[in-house]
């Protein structure tokens, strides 16, 4: 599976972090039949521990480029993976 094209403002800017819905991430990962390691590699992490930390609530924030890749993998909008937080202006990317 190819990765989504990540806008430059998401790659270079750590202020674009948001609080994600950890239970939804786990549910979607299981529905798609992905292991934590597989999802980690698809969205740009090297180890499954990053996904484990997200799903257990140890990590509550995720960089914008990882969130975009996760939305691409799960075929949903970025905002569908969030609990609260502001998204950067991404007209056309999350619609």
C-alpha atoms as a PDB file:
ATOM      1  CA  UNK A   1       0.000   0.000   0.000  1.00  0.00           C
ATOM      2  CA  UNK A   2       1.391   3.408  -0.916  1.00  0.00           C
ATOM      3  CA  UNK A   3       1.528   6.271   1.564  1.00  0.00           C
ATOM      4  CA  UNK A   4      -0.474   9.450   1.189  1.00  0.00           C
ATOM      5  CA  UNK A   5       1.331  12.519  -0.116  1.00  0.00           C
ATOM      6  CA  UNK A   6       2.042  14.598   2.974  1.00  0.00           C
ATOM      7  CA  UNK A   7       1.755  18.387   2.660  1.00  0.00           C
ATOM      8  CA  UNK A   8       4.945  20.201   3.681  1.00  0.00           C
ATOM      9  CA  UNK A   9       3.243  22.030   6.556  1.00  0.00           C
ATOM     10  CA  UNK A  10       2.467  18.688   8.204  1.00  0.00           C
ATOM     11  CA  UNK A  11       5.983  17.304   7.867  1.00  0.00           C
ATOM     12  CA  UNK A  12       7.799  20.319   9.223  1.00  0.00           C
ATOM     13  CA  UNK A  13       5.513  21.615  11.937  1.00  0.00           C
ATOM     14  CA  UNK A  14       5.082  19.963  15.334  1.00  0.00           C
ATOM     15  CA  UNK A  15       2.309  22.373  16.360  1.00  0.00           C
ATOM     16  CA  UNK A  16      -0.024  20.294  14.206  1.00  0.00           C
ATOM     17  CA  UNK A  17      -0.460  17.664  16.911  1.00  0.00           C
ATOM     18  CA  UNK A  18      -3.877  16.586  18.051  1.00  0.00           C
ATOM     19  CA  UNK A  19      -5.398  14.186  20.569  1.00  0.00           C
ATOM     20  CA  UNK A  20      -6.436  10.970  18.909  1.00  0.00           C
ATOM     21  CA  UNK A  21      -9.148   8.454  19.703  1.00  0.00           C
ATOM     22  CA  UNK A  22      -7.057   5.492  20.866  1.00  0.00           C
ATOM     23  CA  UNK A  23      -9.949   3.042  21.067  1.00  0.00           C
ATOM     24  CA  UNK A  24     -11.042   3.866  17.523  1.00  0.00           C
ATOM     25  CA  UNK A  25      -7.488   3.341  16.251  1.00  0.00           C
ATOM     26  CA  UNK A  26      -7.322  -0.112  17.829  1.00  0.00           C
ATOM     27  CA  UNK A  27     -10.776  -1.051  16.543  1.00  0.00           C
ATOM     28  CA  UNK A  28      -9.943   0.050  12.991  1.00  0.00           C
ATOM     29  CA  UNK A  29      -6.581  -1.716  13.064  1.00  0.00           C
ATOM     30  CA  UNK A  30      -8.249  -4.952  14.107  1.00  0.00           C
ATOM     31  CA  UNK A  31     -11.045  -4.544  11.524  1.00  0.00           C
ATOM     32  CA  UNK A  32      -8.439  -4.101   8.802  1.00  0.00           C
ATOM     33  CA  UNK A  33      -6.584  -7.191  10.043  1.00  0.00           C
ATOM     34  CA  UNK A  34      -3.354  -5.310  10.700  1.00  0.00           C
ATOM     35  CA  UNK A  35      -0.830  -6.058  13.413  1.00  0.00           C
ATOM     36  CA  UNK A  36       0.614  -3.181  15.387  1.00  0.00           C
ATOM     37  CA  UNK A  37       3.898  -3.621  13.494  1.00  0.00           C
ATOM     38  CA  UNK A  38       2.156  -3.531  10.107  1.00  0.00           C
ATOM     39  CA  UNK A  39       0.266  -0.345  10.966  1.00  0.00           C
ATOM     40  CA  UNK A  40       3.422   1.231  12.364  1.00  0.00           C
ATOM     41  CA  UNK A  41       5.288   0.610   9.114  1.00  0.00           C
ATOM     42  CA  UNK A  42       2.399   1.826   6.963  1.00  0.00           C
ATOM     43  CA  UNK A  43       2.197   5.181   8.707  1.00  0.00           C
ATOM     44  CA  UNK A  44       5.927   5.767   9.056  1.00  0.00           C
ATOM     45  CA  UNK A  45       6.942   4.435  12.463  1.00  0.00           C
ATOM     46  CA  UNK A  46       9.752   1.898  12.796  1.00  0.00           C
ATOM     47  CA  UNK A  47       8.375  -0.145  15.688  1.00  0.00           C
ATOM     48  CA  UNK A  48       5.066  -1.532  16.889  1.00  0.00           C
ATOM     49  CA  UNK A  49       5.691   0.128  20.245  1.00  0.00           C
ATOM     50  CA  UNK A  50       4.536   3.429  18.798  1.00  0.00           C
ATOM     51  CA  UNK A  51       1.141   1.941  17.944  1.00  0.00           C
ATOM     52  CA  UNK A  52       0.968   0.160  21.295  1.00  0.00           C
ATOM     53  CA  UNK A  53       1.630   3.464  23.052  1.00  0.00           C
ATOM     54  CA  UNK A  54      -1.164   5.117  21.067  1.00  0.00           C
ATOM     55  CA  UNK A  55      -3.660   2.327  21.737  1.00  0.00           C
ATOM     56  CA  UNK A  56      -2.933   2.155  25.468  1.00  0.00           C
ATOM     57  CA  UNK A  57      -3.072   5.917  25.949  1.00  0.00           C
ATOM     58  CA  UNK A  58       0.605   6.367  26.805  1.00  0.00           C
ATOM     59  CA  UNK A  59       0.883   8.577  23.715  1.00  0.00           C
ATOM     60  CA  UNK A  60      -2.017  10.981  23.337  1.00  0.00           C
ATOM     61  CA  UNK A  61      -0.608  13.047  20.482  1.00  0.00           C
ATOM     62  CA  UNK A  62       0.403  12.101  16.987  1.00  0.00           C
ATOM     63  CA  UNK A  63       2.247  14.224  14.414  1.00  0.00           C
ATOM     64  CA  UNK A  64       0.116  15.455  11.527  1.00  0.00           C
ATOM     65  CA  UNK A  65       1.934  13.422   8.876  1.00  0.00           C
ATOM     66  CA  UNK A  66       1.354  10.190  10.820  1.00  0.00           C
ATOM     67  CA  UNK A  67      -2.308  11.099  11.300  1.00  0.00           C
ATOM     68  CA  UNK A  68      -2.698  11.738   7.578  1.00  0.00           C
ATOM     69  CA  UNK A  69      -1.106   8.390   6.737  1.00  0.00           C
ATOM     70  CA  UNK A  70      -3.340   6.642   9.272  1.00  0.00           C
ATOM     71  CA  UNK A  71      -6.459   8.223   7.748  1.00  0.00           C
ATOM     72  CA  UNK A  72      -5.258   7.066   4.331  1.00  0.00           C
ATOM     73  CA  UNK A  73      -4.727   3.496   5.566  1.00  0.00           C
ATOM     74  CA  UNK A  74      -8.161   3.406   7.214  1.00  0.00           C
ATOM     75  CA  UNK A  75      -9.876   5.202   4.316  1.00  0.00           C
ATOM     76  CA  UNK A  76     -11.368   7.883   6.531  1.00  0.00           C
ATOM     77  CA  UNK A  77     -10.991  11.577   7.267  1.00  0.00           C
ATOM     78  CA  UNK A  78      -8.328  12.757   9.673  1.00  0.00           C
ATOM     79  CA  UNK A  79     -10.971  14.309  11.913  1.00  0.00           C
ATOM     80  CA  UNK A  80     -12.606  10.876  12.310  1.00  0.00           C
ATOM     81  CA  UNK A  81      -9.540   9.746  14.277  1.00  0.00           C
ATOM     82  CA  UNK A  82      -9.600  12.665  16.723  1.00  0.00           C
ATOM     83  CA  UNK A  83     -11.173  13.296  20.098  1.00  0.00           C
ATOM     84  CA  UNK A  84     -10.364  16.999  20.355  1.00  0.00           C
ATOM     85  CA  UNK A  85      -7.936  19.453  18.902  1.00  0.00           C
ATOM     86  CA  UNK A  86      -7.443  21.791  16.014  1.00  0.00           C
ATOM     87  CA  UNK A  87      -6.353  20.684  12.604  1.00  0.00           C
ATOM     88  CA  UNK A  88      -4.190  22.849  10.424  1.00  0.00           C
ATOM     89  CA  UNK A  89      -5.777  24.425   7.374  1.00  0.00           C
ATOM     90  CA  UNK A  90      -5.804  21.507   4.963  1.00  0.00           C
ATOM     91  CA  UNK A  91      -8.417  22.504   2.448  1.00  0.00           C
ATOM     92  CA  UNK A  92      -8.863  19.642   0.027  1.00  0.00           C
ATOM     93  CA  UNK A  93      -6.767  17.173   2.026  1.00  0.00           C
ATOM     94  CA  UNK A  94      -9.298  16.041   4.635  1.00  0.00           C
ATOM     95  CA  UNK A  95     -12.517  16.571   2.695  1.00  0.00           C
END
